[in-house]
Amino acid sequence: MIRVVVCQLPIGQGRLTLRQKLAIRRYGADFVCLPEYFLMPKNSIDYSLFAASYNRNIEYLARLSRDLQTILIGGTIVTNMRGSYQNTAFVFENGYRVGSYSKVYPTVGECEKGIAPGKSFVSWKVDGIRIGVLICADVLHHEAFTELGEHSVDIIFSPTLSPYRPDDTVEARQKRDNDIFVRGANTAGSFIVKTCAIGRVFGKPLRGRSLIASPWKLLWKVPVEFEEKDMIYGFDLDITRLQEFRRKSLIERIVNGNTVLKETNL
């Protein structure tokens, strides 16, 4: 079993509080995921100040992963690559940088503020578990799950900003969760851990829609009454069950020519 910790936290908080760090430590987390843009300076009007804080943010994430004694998916920070910004997630293991991934599909709003797309999807094997990262709107492009599935990833972490929509019903949100995340997990043959920010970004309100999906069903999601609150939640993922699922699904596709994964006798 692998324990992941979802940190649904406010944009602009800047640093984890002692209470939050103690809560994470109590879970004994193997992996911790922060939300997209978590370290963005409060009341930012563009990405310039965020990008200028790159070195300080990287040092903080490395130190945090060491303090928590875990593998940290550090939300995302803005990097300045040859004069253009990218929205980048960094992965650290006990203070050491494992790798980074830049968002391949930035939103229209991000592009208008200077965020350029990343070039490719990547994965890393850490402590025997292969992980990948998809940032927010990446998940709206189903080929992202297909490509990470070719990497045989066990867990996809998805730091996210989910906009608040006043006319969005619970039923509509549930349908999107299944259509995007359960379907995506099914395609990739992996678990998906989505970690959302709350508060506001560029003056626009957010809704905490953190969740954990498997290829066969939604395993956990933030209760409706907590969608606008910060919370830290730990969940155990059965990697052995996932790998057995992938093995049976591969056999089924070979025998039946079926390219759709489905759970069999699990």
Protein backbone atom coordinates (compact mmCIF):
# COMPACT_ATOMS: atom_id res chain seq x y z
CA MET A 1 0.00 0.00 0.00
CA ILE A 2 1.18 3.50 -0.87
CA ARG A 3 -0.08 6.44 1.19
CA VAL A 4 -0.75 9.68 -0.67
CA VAL A 5 -1.69 12.96 1.01
CA VAL A 6 -3.84 15.55 -0.76
CA CYS A 7 -3.26 19.14 0.40
CA GLN A 8 -6.21 21.34 -0.60
CA LEU A 9 -4.90 24.77 0.40
CA PRO A 10 -5.42 28.50 -0.26
CA ILE A 11 -3.62 30.35 -3.05
CA GLY A 12 -1.26 32.93 -1.60
CA GLN A 13 -0.75 31.19 1.75
CA GLY A 14 2.94 31.10 0.88
CA ARG A 15 4.12 28.36 3.21
CA LEU A 16 2.66 25.40 5.07
CA THR A 17 1.84 26.16 8.67
CA LEU A 18 3.24 24.08 11.50
CA ARG A 19 -0.23 22.62 12.05
CA GLN A 20 -0.44 21.56 8.40
CA LYS A 21 3.03 20.02 8.42
CA LEU A 22 2.22 18.07 11.59
CA ALA A 23 -1.00 16.81 10.00
CA ILE A 24 0.96 15.55 6.99
CA ARG A 25 3.60 13.93 9.19
CA ARG A 26 0.91 12.12 11.19
CA TYR A 27 -0.27 10.44 7.98
CA GLY A 28 3.20 8.99 7.34
CA ALA A 29 2.91 9.99 3.70
CA ASP A 30 4.83 8.31 0.90
CA PHE A 31 3.72 11.06 -1.51
CA VAL A 32 2.41 14.57 -0.82
CA CYS A 33 0.82 16.75 -3.50
CA LEU A 34 0.35 20.52 -3.24
CA PRO A 35 -2.09 22.44 -5.48
CA GLU A 36 -1.35 24.37 -8.65
CA TYR A 37 0.11 27.86 -8.04
CA PHE A 38 0.13 27.30 -4.27
CA LEU A 39 3.19 29.52 -3.80
CA MET A 40 1.91 32.37 -5.98
CA PRO A 41 2.21 35.68 -4.07
CA LYS A 42 -1.12 36.88 -2.71
CA ASN A 43 -3.03 39.42 -4.85
CA SER A 44 -0.78 38.86 -7.89
CA ILE A 45 -1.93 40.59 -11.07
CA ASP A 46 0.47 38.71 -13.35
CA TYR A 47 3.22 36.10 -13.17
CA SER A 48 6.24 38.41 -12.92
CA LEU A 49 6.66 38.37 -9.14
CA PHE A 50 6.03 34.63 -9.00
CA ALA A 51 8.70 33.96 -11.63
CA ALA A 52 11.14 36.26 -9.83
CA SER A 53 10.76 34.11 -6.70
CA TYR A 54 11.91 30.95 -8.49
CA ASN A 55 15.09 30.29 -6.49
CA ARG A 56 13.39 30.92 -3.16
CA ASN A 57 10.48 28.65 -4.10
CA ILE A 58 12.73 25.81 -5.25
CA GLU A 59 14.74 26.01 -2.04
CA TYR A 60 11.55 25.96 0.01
CA LEU A 61 10.13 22.90 -1.78
CA ALA A 62 13.39 20.99 -1.38
CA ARG A 63 13.50 21.84 2.32
CA LEU A 64 9.83 20.95 2.77
CA SER A 65 10.26 17.51 1.21
CA ARG A 66 13.18 16.92 3.55
CA ASP A 67 11.26 18.14 6.60
CA LEU A 68 8.30 15.93 5.73
CA GLN A 69 10.55 12.98 4.79
CA THR A 70 8.47 12.30 1.73
CA ILE A 71 8.22 12.54 -2.03
CA LEU A 72 6.73 15.95 -2.71
CA ILE A 73 4.87 17.06 -5.81
CA GLY A 74 5.30 20.75 -5.10
CA GLY A 75 2.19 22.09 -6.78
CA THR A 76 3.43 24.37 -9.56
CA ILE A 77 5.65 27.40 -9.77
CA VAL A 78 6.25 29.77 -12.67
CA THR A 79 9.61 29.43 -14.37
CA ASN A 80 11.18 31.89 -16.80
CA MET A 81 12.56 29.98 -19.77
CA ARG A 82 14.43 32.17 -22.23
CA GLY A 83 12.08 35.08 -21.73
CA SER A 84 8.81 33.13 -21.64
CA TYR A 85 7.02 31.71 -18.61
CA GLN A 86 6.06 28.10 -18.02
CA ASN A 87 3.81 26.56 -15.38
CA THR A 88 6.02 23.84 -13.91
CA ALA A 89 5.65 21.12 -11.30
CA PHE A 90 8.78 19.99 -9.47
CA VAL A 91 9.13 16.64 -7.71
CA PHE A 92 11.46 16.27 -4.72
CA GLU A 93 12.43 13.26 -2.65
CA ASN A 94 13.73 14.04 0.83
CA GLY A 95 15.36 17.26 -0.35
CA TYR A 96 16.64 16.05 -3.73
CA ARG A 97 15.09 17.07 -7.03
CA VAL A 98 13.68 14.09 -8.95
CA GLY A 99 12.52 16.02 -12.01
CA SER A 100 10.10 18.57 -13.39
CA TYR A 101 7.19 18.80 -15.82
CA SER A 102 5.85 21.91 -17.56
CA LYS A 103 2.15 22.12 -18.40
CA VAL A 104 1.63 21.08 -22.02
CA TYR A 105 -1.85 22.59 -22.33
CA PRO A 106 -2.00 25.97 -20.54
CA THR A 107 -5.40 27.66 -20.50
CA VAL A 108 -6.31 30.62 -22.68
CA GLY A 109 -6.04 32.88 -19.63
CA GLU A 110 -2.55 31.57 -18.87
CA CYS A 111 -1.43 32.07 -22.46
CA GLU A 112 -2.72 35.64 -22.43
CA LYS A 113 -0.56 36.29 -19.36
CA GLY A 114 2.54 34.82 -20.96
CA ILE A 115 2.55 31.11 -20.06
CA ALA A 116 4.04 29.03 -22.87
CA PRO A 117 3.28 25.31 -23.29
CA GLY A 118 5.67 22.59 -22.22
CA LYS A 119 6.99 20.16 -24.78
CA SER A 120 6.27 16.62 -23.58
CA PHE A 121 4.84 14.37 -20.88
CA VAL A 122 7.32 12.73 -18.53
CA SER A 123 7.39 10.15 -15.74
CA TRP A 124 9.79 9.06 -13.02
CA LYS A 125 10.29 5.91 -10.99
CA VAL A 126 10.63 6.76 -7.31
CA ASP A 127 10.96 4.06 -4.64
CA GLY A 128 9.66 1.49 -7.11
CA ILE A 129 6.55 3.52 -8.04
CA ARG A 130 6.29 5.17 -11.45
CA ILE A 131 4.59 8.55 -11.29
CA GLY A 132 3.59 11.23 -13.77
CA VAL A 133 2.11 14.72 -13.51
CA LEU A 134 -0.72 16.39 -15.40
CA ILE A 135 -1.41 20.00 -14.48
CA CYS A 136 -5.03 21.20 -14.39
CA ALA A 137 -6.26 21.67 -18.00
CA ASP A 138 -3.92 18.92 -19.24
CA VAL A 139 -6.60 16.45 -18.10
CA LEU A 140 -9.06 17.87 -20.64
CA HIS A 141 -6.92 16.36 -23.40
CA HIS A 142 -7.49 12.62 -23.29
CA GLU A 143 -4.33 11.85 -25.26
CA ALA A 144 -2.37 12.95 -22.18
CA PHE A 145 -3.69 9.89 -20.34
CA THR A 146 -2.95 7.69 -23.34
CA GLU A 147 0.67 8.85 -23.44
CA LEU A 148 1.25 8.44 -19.72
CA GLY A 149 -0.36 5.01 -20.00
CA GLU A 150 2.43 4.10 -22.41
CA HIS A 151 4.85 4.95 -19.59
CA SER A 152 3.06 2.39 -17.34
CA VAL A 153 2.61 5.00 -14.62
CA ASP A 154 1.15 3.86 -11.31
CA ILE A 155 0.03 7.29 -10.05
CA ILE A 156 -0.72 10.50 -11.92
CA PHE A 157 -0.64 13.59 -9.72
CA SER A 158 -2.72 16.54 -10.90
CA PRO A 159 -2.17 19.92 -9.18
CA THR A 160 -5.20 21.97 -10.19
CA LEU A 161 -7.13 25.24 -10.05
CA SER A 162 -10.84 24.51 -10.40
CA PRO A 163 -12.90 27.66 -11.10
CA TYR A 164 -16.00 28.37 -9.05
CA ARG A 165 -19.13 28.25 -11.23
CA PRO A 166 -22.25 29.48 -9.42
CA ASP A 167 -24.60 27.55 -11.71
CA ASP A 168 -22.59 24.30 -11.51
CA THR A 169 -24.71 21.50 -10.00
CA VAL A 170 -23.47 18.62 -7.86
CA GLU A 171 -24.72 16.23 -10.54
CA ALA A 172 -22.75 18.03 -13.26
CA ARG A 173 -19.59 17.92 -11.17
CA GLN A 174 -20.04 14.22 -10.48
CA LYS A 175 -20.44 13.55 -14.19
CA ARG A 176 -17.24 15.46 -15.00
CA ASP A 177 -15.36 13.55 -12.33
CA ASN A 178 -16.29 10.27 -13.98
CA ASP A 179 -15.97 11.46 -17.58
CA ILE A 180 -12.52 13.00 -17.03
CA PHE A 181 -10.82 11.30 -14.12
CA VAL A 182 -12.21 7.76 -13.93
CA ARG A 183 -12.09 7.52 -17.71
CA GLY A 184 -8.59 9.00 -17.72
CA ALA A 185 -7.42 6.60 -15.01
CA ASN A 186 -8.91 3.77 -17.03
CA THR A 187 -7.05 4.83 -20.16
CA ALA A 188 -3.73 5.30 -18.36
CA GLY A 189 -4.16 2.23 -16.17
CA SER A 190 -3.18 4.32 -13.15
CA PHE A 191 -4.49 6.04 -10.07
CA ILE A 192 -5.09 9.81 -10.33
CA VAL A 193 -4.59 12.15 -7.38
CA LYS A 194 -6.06 15.59 -8.05
CA THR A 195 -5.17 18.34 -5.58
CA CYS A 196 -7.01 21.67 -5.83
CA ALA A 197 -6.33 25.16 -4.57
CA ILE A 198 -8.99 27.29 -2.91
CA GLY A 199 -9.41 31.05 -2.57
CA ARG A 200 -8.91 33.35 -5.55
CA VAL A 201 -6.47 33.67 -8.42
CA PHE A 202 -6.33 36.96 -10.32
CA GLY A 203 -9.52 37.93 -8.51
CA LYS A 204 -11.49 34.86 -9.67
CA PRO A 205 -12.89 32.44 -7.05
CA LEU A 206 -11.89 28.79 -6.95
CA ARG A 207 -13.64 25.62 -5.82
CA GLY A 208 -11.77 22.80 -4.09
CA ARG A 209 -12.54 19.71 -6.18
CA SER A 210 -9.78 17.43 -4.94
CA LEU A 211 -10.28 13.72 -5.61
CA ILE A 212 -8.65 10.33 -6.06
CA ALA A 213 -9.67 8.07 -8.95
CA SER A 214 -8.86 4.50 -9.95
CA PRO A 215 -9.39 2.87 -13.36
CA TRP A 216 -12.59 1.26 -12.06
CA LYS A 217 -14.22 3.96 -9.92
CA LEU A 218 -13.86 7.21 -8.00
CA LEU A 219 -12.19 6.30 -4.72
CA TRP A 220 -12.55 9.58 -2.82
CA LYS A 221 -13.49 13.21 -3.34
CA VAL A 222 -13.84 16.25 -1.14
CA PRO A 223 -17.34 16.41 0.38
CA VAL A 224 -19.46 19.21 -1.05
CA GLU A 225 -19.45 21.10 2.25
CA PHE A 226 -15.60 21.20 2.17
CA GLU A 227 -15.18 22.41 -1.40
CA GLU A 228 -14.27 25.91 -0.24
CA LYS A 229 -12.24 24.87 2.81
CA ASP A 230 -8.64 23.85 3.29
CA MET A 231 -8.09 20.23 4.18
CA ILE A 232 -5.32 17.65 4.33
CA TYR A 233 -6.36 14.09 3.63
CA GLY A 234 -4.44 10.80 3.43
CA PHE A 235 -5.48 7.80 1.38
CA ASP A 236 -3.91 4.37 0.82
CA LEU A 237 -3.51 3.16 -2.77
CA ASP A 238 -3.17 -0.55 -3.47
CA ILE A 239 -0.45 -0.67 -6.14
CA THR A 240 -0.50 -4.48 -6.25
CA ARG A 241 -4.20 -4.42 -7.12
CA LEU A 242 -3.56 -1.81 -9.79
CA GLN A 243 -0.78 -3.85 -11.38
CA GLU A 244 -2.94 -6.97 -11.34
CA PHE A 245 -5.71 -4.94 -12.97
CA ARG A 246 -3.32 -3.87 -15.74
CA ARG A 247 -2.11 -7.44 -16.24
CA LYS A 248 -5.64 -8.81 -16.59
CA SER A 249 -6.66 -5.95 -18.85
CA LEU A 250 -3.69 -6.59 -21.15
CA ILE A 251 -4.58 -10.26 -21.38
CA GLU A 252 -8.19 -9.35 -22.14
CA ARG A 253 -7.18 -6.97 -24.91
CA ILE A 254 -4.90 -9.57 -26.46
CA VAL A 255 -7.58 -12.25 -26.36
CA ASN A 256 -10.54 -10.08 -27.40
CA GLY A 257 -8.91 -7.27 -29.30
CA ASN A 258 -10.53 -4.93 -26.77
CA THR A 259 -8.68 -1.63 -26.24
CA VAL A 260 -10.89 -0.47 -23.33
CA LEU A 261 -9.68 -1.33 -19.84
CA LYS A 262 -12.23 -2.73 -17.42
CA GLU A 263 -12.02 -4.31 -14.01
CA THR A 264 -12.35 -8.08 -13.94
CA ASN A 265 -12.88 -9.99 -10.68
CA LEU A 266 -11.14 -7.38 -8.54
